[in-house]
Amino acid sequence: MANVIYRGPIKDEPETVSDKTVAGAYLPGILVTESATALTVATAADIEADLLILSNRRFYDQGVGDAYASGDTGVAYRPRPGEIYQTRLAAATYAKGAPLTIGASGYLTAAAAGERVVAFFEGVAGAITAGTLNDVRIANSFNIAAA
């Protein structure tokens, strides 16, 4: 199942947004925001927005490593707490269960004190290269308490 963005639970399919174009040459697995007509790469400034996870267009034989062209019709998922997705992460060393927040380029990154947690790392613990797809579990969004 490594070639899909939505990983489960398999008993329930996520809500899909598929009527918007992508605003850039985006890879599946990044977080995006939705406007009336487009899907745009999410950044830390979008933490309060309705974040979506860009998927691949399986019905066009687009793999998870194949970028969209700007203007293509995109497919994105509206994630719910507890669901598992493959998303792209910022370069860092992650532990299983590490809290994640939105960073640059639509990538998830380690959440620090005071930041909003949107997911938890579910992949194999260790060093991750920027942009690598890894499993994450969507969180009930919350802020990490300051130390």
C-alpha atoms as a PDB file:
ATOM      1  CA  MET A   1       0.000   0.000   0.000  1.00  0.00           C
ATOM      2  CA  ALA A   2       3.029   2.294  -0.257  1.00  0.00           C
ATOM      3  CA  ASN A   3       1.719   3.756  -3.520  1.00  0.00           C
ATOM      4  CA  VAL A   4      -1.300   5.537  -2.034  1.00  0.00           C
ATOM      5  CA  ILE A   5      -1.748   8.717   0.007  1.00  0.00           C
ATOM      6  CA  TYR A   6      -4.782   7.624   2.059  1.00  0.00           C
ATOM      7  CA  ARG A   7      -3.759   4.654   4.228  1.00  0.00           C
ATOM      8  CA  GLY A   8      -6.790   3.953   6.342  1.00  0.00           C
ATOM      9  CA  PRO A   9      -8.873   2.900   8.032  1.00  0.00           C
ATOM     10  CA  ILE A  10      -9.989   0.931   4.995  1.00  0.00           C
ATOM     11  CA  LYS A  11     -13.580   0.578   6.244  1.00  0.00           C
ATOM     12  CA  ASP A  12     -14.177   4.262   5.529  1.00  0.00           C
ATOM     13  CA  GLU A  13     -13.105   6.428   2.586  1.00  0.00           C
ATOM     14  CA  PRO A  14     -12.178  10.074   3.278  1.00  0.00           C
ATOM     15  CA  GLU A  15     -14.044  13.029   1.834  1.00  0.00           C
ATOM     16  CA  THR A  16     -12.491  13.963  -1.507  1.00  0.00           C
ATOM     17  CA  VAL A  17     -12.204  17.381  -3.170  1.00  0.00           C
ATOM     18  CA  SER A  18     -11.734  16.973  -6.915  1.00  0.00           C
ATOM     19  CA  ASP A  19     -13.186  20.056  -8.582  1.00  0.00           C
ATOM     20  CA  LYS A  20     -10.287  22.510  -8.167  1.00  0.00           C
ATOM     21  CA  THR A  21      -7.106  23.100 -10.133  1.00  0.00           C
ATOM     22  CA  VAL A  22      -3.666  23.060  -8.525  1.00  0.00           C
ATOM     23  CA  ALA A  23      -1.923  26.442  -8.420  1.00  0.00           C
ATOM     24  CA  GLY A  24       1.566  25.031  -9.006  1.00  0.00           C
ATOM     25  CA  ALA A  25       3.666  21.988  -9.862  1.00  0.00           C
ATOM     26  CA  TYR A  26       2.831  20.123  -6.646  1.00  0.00           C
ATOM     27  CA  LEU A  27       3.719  16.613  -5.530  1.00  0.00           C
ATOM     28  CA  PRO A  28       1.048  14.413  -3.959  1.00  0.00           C
ATOM     29  CA  GLY A  29       1.367  14.185  -0.182  1.00  0.00           C
ATOM     30  CA  ILE A  30       1.697  17.897   0.572  1.00  0.00           C
ATOM     31  CA  LEU A  31      -0.833  19.886   2.534  1.00  0.00           C
ATOM     32  CA  VAL A  32      -2.883  22.398   0.571  1.00  0.00           C
ATOM     33  CA  THR A  33      -5.603  24.956   1.156  1.00  0.00           C
ATOM     34  CA  GLU A  34      -8.744  25.349  -0.903  1.00  0.00           C
ATOM     35  CA  SER A  35     -10.116  28.527  -2.478  1.00  0.00           C
ATOM     36  CA  ALA A  36     -13.211  28.811  -4.647  1.00  0.00           C
ATOM     37  CA  THR A  37     -11.259  27.594  -7.688  1.00  0.00           C
ATOM     38  CA  ALA A  38      -7.806  26.318  -6.690  1.00  0.00           C
ATOM     39  CA  LEU A  39      -5.701  24.186  -4.372  1.00  0.00           C
ATOM     40  CA  THR A  40      -2.661  26.117  -3.104  1.00  0.00           C
ATOM     41  CA  VAL A  41       0.337  24.862  -1.127  1.00  0.00           C
ATOM     42  CA  ALA A  42      -0.186  25.337   2.625  1.00  0.00           C
ATOM     43  CA  THR A  43       2.346  27.086   4.847  1.00  0.00           C
ATOM     44  CA  ALA A  44       2.655  27.702   8.585  1.00  0.00           C
ATOM     45  CA  ALA A  45       0.531  30.837   8.127  1.00  0.00           C
ATOM     46  CA  ASP A  46      -2.391  28.577   7.109  1.00  0.00           C
ATOM     47  CA  ILE A  47      -2.489  26.682  10.425  1.00  0.00           C
ATOM     48  CA  GLU A  48      -6.038  27.910  11.155  1.00  0.00           C
ATOM     49  CA  ALA A  49      -7.260  27.077   7.621  1.00  0.00           C
ATOM     50  CA  ASP A  50      -9.080  23.939   6.525  1.00  0.00           C
ATOM     51  CA  LEU A  51      -6.032  21.880   5.505  1.00  0.00           C
ATOM     52  CA  LEU A  52      -6.320  19.208   2.818  1.00  0.00           C
ATOM     53  CA  ILE A  53      -3.858  16.517   1.740  1.00  0.00           C
ATOM     54  CA  LEU A  54      -3.109  16.445  -1.987  1.00  0.00           C
ATOM     55  CA  SER A  55      -3.465  12.960  -3.454  1.00  0.00           C
ATOM     56  CA  ASN A  56      -2.439  11.474  -6.763  1.00  0.00           C
ATOM     57  CA  ARG A  57      -4.895  11.001  -9.617  1.00  0.00           C
ATOM     58  CA  ARG A  58      -4.900   7.200  -9.664  1.00  0.00           C
ATOM     59  CA  PHE A  59      -7.466   7.167 -12.479  1.00  0.00           C
ATOM     60  CA  TYR A  60      -4.856   8.930 -14.681  1.00  0.00           C
ATOM     61  CA  ASP A  61      -2.106   6.505 -13.566  1.00  0.00           C
ATOM     62  CA  GLN A  62      -0.375   9.336 -11.701  1.00  0.00           C
ATOM     63  CA  GLY A  63       1.983   7.891  -9.110  1.00  0.00           C
ATOM     64  CA  VAL A  64       2.630   9.456  -5.706  1.00  0.00           C
ATOM     65  CA  GLY A  65       6.025  10.632  -6.979  1.00  0.00           C
ATOM     66  CA  ASP A  66       4.605  12.329 -10.085  1.00  0.00           C
ATOM     67  CA  ALA A  67       4.015  16.077  -9.772  1.00  0.00           C
ATOM     68  CA  TYR A  68       0.912  17.814 -11.012  1.00  0.00           C
ATOM     69  CA  ALA A  69       1.363  20.507 -13.649  1.00  0.00           C
ATOM     70  CA  SER A  70       0.036  23.927 -12.662  1.00  0.00           C
ATOM     71  CA  GLY A  71      -3.587  24.112 -13.775  1.00  0.00           C
ATOM     72  CA  ASP A  72      -4.250  20.361 -13.581  1.00  0.00           C
ATOM     73  CA  THR A  73      -7.410  19.308 -11.785  1.00  0.00           C
ATOM     74  CA  GLY A  74      -6.267  18.124  -8.372  1.00  0.00           C
ATOM     75  CA  VAL A  75      -7.538  15.468  -6.017  1.00  0.00           C
ATOM     76  CA  ALA A  76      -7.283  16.208  -2.294  1.00  0.00           C
ATOM     77  CA  TYR A  77      -8.546  14.605   0.897  1.00  0.00           C
ATOM     78  CA  ARG A  78     -10.202  16.382   3.805  1.00  0.00           C
ATOM     79  CA  PRO A  79      -8.501  14.506   6.691  1.00  0.00           C
ATOM     80  CA  ARG A  80     -10.292  13.506   9.893  1.00  0.00           C
ATOM     81  CA  PRO A  81      -8.764  12.663  13.276  1.00  0.00           C
ATOM     82  CA  GLY A  82      -7.467   9.099  13.479  1.00  0.00           C
ATOM     83  CA  GLU A  83      -7.001   8.621   9.736  1.00  0.00           C
ATOM     84  CA  ILE A  84      -3.561   7.695   8.413  1.00  0.00           C
ATOM     85  CA  TYR A  85      -2.025   9.346   5.355  1.00  0.00           C
ATOM     86  CA  GLN A  86       1.331   9.421   3.636  1.00  0.00           C
ATOM     87  CA  THR A  87       2.502  13.030   3.718  1.00  0.00           C
ATOM     88  CA  ARG A  88       5.749  14.771   2.880  1.00  0.00           C
ATOM     89  CA  LEU A  89       7.902  15.795   5.840  1.00  0.00           C
ATOM     90  CA  ALA A  90      10.615  18.378   6.410  1.00  0.00           C
ATOM     91  CA  ALA A  91      14.148  17.075   6.932  1.00  0.00           C
ATOM     92  CA  ALA A  92      14.634  16.069  10.582  1.00  0.00           C
ATOM     93  CA  THR A  93      14.867  13.086  12.899  1.00  0.00           C
ATOM     94  CA  TYR A  94      11.445  11.914  14.029  1.00  0.00           C
ATOM     95  CA  ALA A  95      10.377   9.544  16.798  1.00  0.00           C
ATOM     96  CA  LYS A  96       7.240   7.426  16.503  1.00  0.00           C
ATOM     97  CA  GLY A  97       4.336   9.469  17.837  1.00  0.00           C
ATOM     98  CA  ALA A  98       6.156  12.799  17.448  1.00  0.00           C
ATOM     99  CA  PRO A  99       3.710  15.739  17.132  1.00  0.00           C
ATOM    100  CA  LEU A 100       3.721  17.478  13.738  1.00  0.00           C
ATOM    101  CA  THR A 101       2.611  20.868  12.438  1.00  0.00           C
ATOM    102  CA  ILE A 102       2.522  22.505   9.013  1.00  0.00           C
ATOM    103  CA  GLY A 103       5.820  23.945   7.792  1.00  0.00           C
ATOM    104  CA  ALA A 104       7.130  25.297   4.501  1.00  0.00           C
ATOM    105  CA  SER A 105       6.222  23.884   1.077  1.00  0.00           C
ATOM    106  CA  GLY A 106       3.175  22.059   2.453  1.00  0.00           C
ATOM    107  CA  TYR A 107       5.429  19.671   4.395  1.00  0.00           C
ATOM    108  CA  LEU A 108       4.738  18.590   7.955  1.00  0.00           C
ATOM    109  CA  THR A 109       7.469  19.344  10.479  1.00  0.00           C
ATOM    110  CA  ALA A 110       8.119  18.761  14.185  1.00  0.00           C
ATOM    111  CA  ALA A 111       5.823  20.830  16.399  1.00  0.00           C
ATOM    112  CA  ALA A 112       7.386  22.916  19.168  1.00  0.00           C
ATOM    113  CA  ALA A 113       5.913  24.403  22.338  1.00  0.00           C
ATOM    114  CA  GLY A 114       3.033  26.746  21.550  1.00  0.00           C
ATOM    115  CA  GLU A 115       2.489  25.370  18.027  1.00  0.00           C
ATOM    116  CA  ARG A 116      -0.647  23.688  16.706  1.00  0.00           C
ATOM    117  CA  VAL A 117      -0.388  19.900  16.298  1.00  0.00           C
ATOM    118  CA  VAL A 118      -2.155  18.540  13.223  1.00  0.00           C
ATOM    119  CA  ALA A 119      -0.731  14.998  13.076  1.00  0.00           C
ATOM    120  CA  PHE A 120       1.567  12.451  14.719  1.00  0.00           C
ATOM    121  CA  PHE A 121       4.480  10.663  13.041  1.00  0.00           C
ATOM    122  CA  GLU A 122       3.633   6.987  12.434  1.00  0.00           C
ATOM    123  CA  GLY A 123       6.583   5.983  10.252  1.00  0.00           C
ATOM    124  CA  VAL A 124       9.841   4.275  11.152  1.00  0.00           C
ATOM    125  CA  ALA A 125      11.744   6.419  13.668  1.00  0.00           C
ATOM    126  CA  GLY A 126      14.915   8.050  12.404  1.00  0.00           C
ATOM    127  CA  ALA A 127      16.300  10.678  10.069  1.00  0.00           C
ATOM    128  CA  ILE A 128      13.993  11.748   7.249  1.00  0.00           C
ATOM    129  CA  THR A 129      15.076  13.439   4.028  1.00  0.00           C
ATOM    130  CA  ALA A 130      13.024  16.527   3.089  1.00  0.00           C
ATOM    131  CA  GLY A 131      10.022  15.679   0.940  1.00  0.00           C
ATOM    132  CA  THR A 132       9.989  11.970   1.767  1.00  0.00           C
ATOM    133  CA  LEU A 133       6.547  10.384   2.124  1.00  0.00           C
ATOM    134  CA  ASN A 134       5.868   8.961   5.590  1.00  0.00           C
ATOM    135  CA  ASP A 135       2.828   7.736   7.481  1.00  0.00           C
ATOM    136  CA  VAL A 136       1.150  10.206   9.821  1.00  0.00           C
ATOM    137  CA  ARG A 137      -2.000   9.909  11.953  1.00  0.00           C
ATOM    138  CA  ILE A 138      -4.269  12.963  11.891  1.00  0.00           C
ATOM    139  CA  ALA A 139      -4.699  14.531  15.334  1.00  0.00           C
ATOM    140  CA  ASN A 140      -7.539  16.325  17.007  1.00  0.00           C
ATOM    141  CA  SER A 141      -5.813  19.679  16.500  1.00  0.00           C
ATOM    142  CA  PHE A 142      -4.363  21.230  19.682  1.00  0.00           C
ATOM    143  CA  ASN A 143      -1.544  23.534  20.797  1.00  0.00           C
ATOM    144  CA  ILE A 144       1.479  22.164  22.643  1.00  0.00           C
ATOM    145  CA  ALA A 145       1.708  23.792  26.069  1.00  0.00           C
ATOM    146  CA  ALA A 146       4.706  26.033  26.648  1.00  0.00           C
ATOM    147  CA  ALA A 147       7.283  24.607  29.048  1.00  0.00           C
END
